Amino acid sequence: MNFMRILFALVIAGFIAGPLTACAGTRTTESTGEYVDDSVLSNKVRAQLLGDKDLNMFKIDVTTFKGEVQLSGFVDNAVAKTRATQVAQSVEGVKMVHNNLVVKQ
C-alpha cells in the first residue's frame, strides 16, 4: 500500500513537472515569455527605425533572440548602416545589436 502511494505521488509529480520544464528556455531556445518579450522588442526597434527620417525601414528586417537584435537587409550607405545600429541600441531592453545590413553599391 505504501509503495502504491509513493508511485502515485511520483506519477503526479511527473505530470506537473513535465509541462513546466517544457516551457523553460535554454541557451538555444526561448521560453514563451522570452518569445513574447523579444517580439515586443523587435516591434519597438521597428517603430524607432520607421520614425528615423534618414533610414528606409522597409528595407531593414529586425529579429530578436533573448534581447539581442539582428538587423539585416539593405541600406544606401555606410552612414545609414551605422545610424540603424545607433537607433536599435537606443531602445530600452536591447542587450546587443548584430548589424548584418548590406550597403548597396
C-alpha atoms as a PDB file:
ATOM      1  CA  MET A   1       0.000   0.000   0.000  1.00  0.00           C
ATOM      2  CA  ASN A   2       2.815   2.406   0.878  1.00  0.00           C
ATOM      3  CA  PHE A   3       4.562   1.549  -2.404  1.00  0.00           C
ATOM      4  CA  MET A   4       1.409   2.494  -4.354  1.00  0.00           C
ATOM      5  CA  ARG A   5       1.230   5.879  -2.643  1.00  0.00           C
ATOM      6  CA  ILE A   6       4.847   6.633  -3.488  1.00  0.00           C
ATOM      7  CA  LEU A   7       4.338   5.512  -7.087  1.00  0.00           C
ATOM      8  CA  PHE A   8       1.185   7.627  -7.361  1.00  0.00           C
ATOM      9  CA  ALA A   9       2.998  10.676  -5.952  1.00  0.00           C
ATOM     10  CA  LEU A  10       5.851  10.242  -8.450  1.00  0.00           C
ATOM     11  CA  VAL A  11       3.439   9.943 -11.370  1.00  0.00           C
ATOM     12  CA  ILE A  12       1.576  13.086 -10.297  1.00  0.00           C
ATOM     13  CA  ALA A  13       4.868  14.946  -9.833  1.00  0.00           C
ATOM     14  CA  GLY A  14       5.888  13.933 -13.366  1.00  0.00           C
ATOM     15  CA  PHE A  15       2.633  15.246 -14.792  1.00  0.00           C
ATOM     16  CA  ILE A  16       3.182  18.567 -13.054  1.00  0.00           C
ATOM     17  CA  ALA A  17       6.917  18.964 -13.682  1.00  0.00           C
ATOM     18  CA  GLY A  18       6.889  17.817 -17.313  1.00  0.00           C
ATOM     19  CA  PRO A  19       4.937  20.694 -18.820  1.00  0.00           C
ATOM     20  CA  LEU A  20       6.708  23.236 -16.637  1.00  0.00           C
ATOM     21  CA  THR A  21      10.144  22.208 -17.871  1.00  0.00           C
ATOM     22  CA  ALA A  22       8.906  22.105 -21.473  1.00  0.00           C
ATOM     23  CA  CYS A  23       8.137  25.847 -21.255  1.00  0.00           C
ATOM     24  CA  ALA A  24      11.574  26.768 -19.933  1.00  0.00           C
ATOM     25  CA  GLY A  25      14.080  28.441 -22.223  1.00  0.00           C
ATOM     26  CA  THR A  26      17.552  27.112 -22.875  1.00  0.00           C
ATOM     27  CA  ARG A  27      20.610  28.637 -24.458  1.00  0.00           C
ATOM     28  CA  THR A  28      19.284  27.931 -27.954  1.00  0.00           C
ATOM     29  CA  THR A  29      15.516  28.137 -27.397  1.00  0.00           C
ATOM     30  CA  GLU A  30      13.225  30.709 -25.885  1.00  0.00           C
ATOM     31  CA  SER A  31      10.570  30.259 -23.277  1.00  0.00           C
ATOM     32  CA  THR A  32       7.110  31.523 -24.138  1.00  0.00           C
ATOM     33  CA  GLY A  33       7.661  34.677 -22.092  1.00  0.00           C
ATOM     34  CA  GLU A  34      11.011  35.354 -23.742  1.00  0.00           C
ATOM     35  CA  TYR A  35       9.435  34.914 -27.185  1.00  0.00           C
ATOM     36  CA  VAL A  36       6.754  37.477 -26.363  1.00  0.00           C
ATOM     37  CA  ASP A  37       9.319  39.884 -24.882  1.00  0.00           C
ATOM     38  CA  ASP A  38      11.510  39.584 -27.975  1.00  0.00           C
ATOM     39  CA  SER A  39       8.529  40.186 -30.268  1.00  0.00           C
ATOM     40  CA  VAL A  40       7.704  43.378 -28.387  1.00  0.00           C
ATOM     41  CA  LEU A  41      11.354  44.446 -28.521  1.00  0.00           C
ATOM     42  CA  SER A  42      11.505  43.842 -32.290  1.00  0.00           C
ATOM     43  CA  ASN A  43       8.400  45.976 -32.767  1.00  0.00           C
ATOM     44  CA  LYS A  44       9.873  48.787 -30.656  1.00  0.00           C
ATOM     45  CA  VAL A  45      13.050  48.747 -32.766  1.00  0.00           C
ATOM     46  CA  ARG A  46      10.985  48.737 -35.982  1.00  0.00           C
ATOM     47  CA  ALA A  47       8.991  51.723 -34.739  1.00  0.00           C
ATOM     48  CA  GLN A  48      12.166  53.666 -33.933  1.00  0.00           C
ATOM     49  CA  LEU A  49      13.664  52.832 -37.327  1.00  0.00           C
ATOM     50  CA  LEU A  50      10.440  53.862 -39.043  1.00  0.00           C
ATOM     51  CA  GLY A  51      10.490  57.189 -37.214  1.00  0.00           C
ATOM     52  CA  ASP A  52      14.043  57.971 -38.324  1.00  0.00           C
ATOM     53  CA  LYS A  53      13.973  60.179 -41.427  1.00  0.00           C
ATOM     54  CA  ASP A  54      17.440  59.018 -42.565  1.00  0.00           C
ATOM     55  CA  LEU A  55      16.503  55.330 -42.810  1.00  0.00           C
ATOM     56  CA  ASN A  56      14.286  53.358 -45.149  1.00  0.00           C
ATOM     57  CA  MET A  57      12.725  50.927 -42.669  1.00  0.00           C
ATOM     58  CA  PHE A  58      11.071  48.900 -45.412  1.00  0.00           C
ATOM     59  CA  LYS A  59      14.457  47.547 -46.488  1.00  0.00           C
ATOM     60  CA  ILE A  60      15.537  46.554 -42.961  1.00  0.00           C
ATOM     61  CA  ASP A  61      14.467  43.329 -41.253  1.00  0.00           C
ATOM     62  CA  VAL A  62      14.552  43.152 -37.455  1.00  0.00           C
ATOM     63  CA  THR A  63      14.698  39.907 -35.484  1.00  0.00           C
ATOM     64  CA  THR A  64      15.349  39.476 -31.787  1.00  0.00           C
ATOM     65  CA  PHE A  65      16.523  36.474 -29.757  1.00  0.00           C
ATOM     66  CA  LYS A  66      16.973  36.766 -25.998  1.00  0.00           C
ATOM     67  CA  GLY A  67      17.291  40.547 -26.171  1.00  0.00           C
ATOM     68  CA  GLU A  68      19.856  40.556 -28.961  1.00  0.00           C
ATOM     69  CA  VAL A  69      18.637  42.370 -32.067  1.00  0.00           C
ATOM     70  CA  GLN A  70      19.749  41.394 -35.544  1.00  0.00           C
ATOM     71  CA  LEU A  71      19.396  43.873 -38.369  1.00  0.00           C
ATOM     72  CA  SER A  72      19.500  42.542 -41.920  1.00  0.00           C
ATOM     73  CA  GLY A  73      18.608  43.891 -45.334  1.00  0.00           C
ATOM     74  CA  PHE A  74      19.939  46.751 -47.408  1.00  0.00           C
ATOM     75  CA  VAL A  75      20.850  50.392 -46.835  1.00  0.00           C
ATOM     76  CA  ASP A  76      22.066  53.078 -49.234  1.00  0.00           C
ATOM     77  CA  ASN A  77      25.323  53.970 -47.490  1.00  0.00           C
ATOM     78  CA  ALA A  78      27.608  53.292 -44.525  1.00  0.00           C
ATOM     79  CA  VAL A  79      26.160  56.234 -42.597  1.00  0.00           C
ATOM     80  CA  ALA A  80      22.698  54.659 -42.718  1.00  0.00           C
ATOM     81  CA  LYS A  81      24.157  51.338 -41.556  1.00  0.00           C
ATOM     82  CA  THR A  82      25.767  52.998 -38.539  1.00  0.00           C
ATOM     83  CA  ARG A  83      22.625  55.010 -37.833  1.00  0.00           C
ATOM     84  CA  ALA A  84      20.484  51.840 -37.799  1.00  0.00           C
ATOM     85  CA  THR A  85      22.747  50.359 -35.131  1.00  0.00           C
ATOM     86  CA  GLN A  86      22.529  53.525 -33.031  1.00  0.00           C
ATOM     87  CA  VAL A  87      18.736  53.615 -33.292  1.00  0.00           C
ATOM     88  CA  ALA A  88      18.406  49.941 -32.318  1.00  0.00           C
ATOM     89  CA  GLN A  89      20.792  50.340 -29.372  1.00  0.00           C
ATOM     90  CA  SER A  90      18.753  53.274 -28.073  1.00  0.00           C
ATOM     91  CA  VAL A  91      15.698  51.068 -27.487  1.00  0.00           C
ATOM     92  CA  GLU A  92      15.281  50.084 -23.852  1.00  0.00           C
ATOM     93  CA  GLY A  93      15.775  46.342 -23.343  1.00  0.00           C
ATOM     94  CA  VAL A  94      18.155  45.781 -26.252  1.00  0.00           C
ATOM     95  CA  LYS A  95      21.200  43.906 -24.943  1.00  0.00           C
ATOM     96  CA  MET A  96      23.231  43.819 -28.162  1.00  0.00           C
ATOM     97  CA  VAL A  97      22.825  44.693 -31.841  1.00  0.00           C
ATOM     98  CA  HIS A  98      24.172  42.495 -34.635  1.00  0.00           C
ATOM     99  CA  ASN A  99      24.237  44.647 -37.749  1.00  0.00           C
ATOM    100  CA  ASN A 100      24.193  42.460 -40.860  1.00  0.00           C
ATOM    101  CA  LEU A 101      22.954  45.236 -43.127  1.00  0.00           C
ATOM    102  CA  VAL A 102      24.485  45.335 -46.603  1.00  0.00           C
ATOM    103  CA  VAL A 103      25.399  48.654 -48.195  1.00  0.00           C
ATOM    104  CA  LYS A 104      24.096  48.743 -51.770  1.00  0.00           C
ATOM    105  CA  GLN A 105      26.725  49.558 -54.382  1.00  0.00           C
END
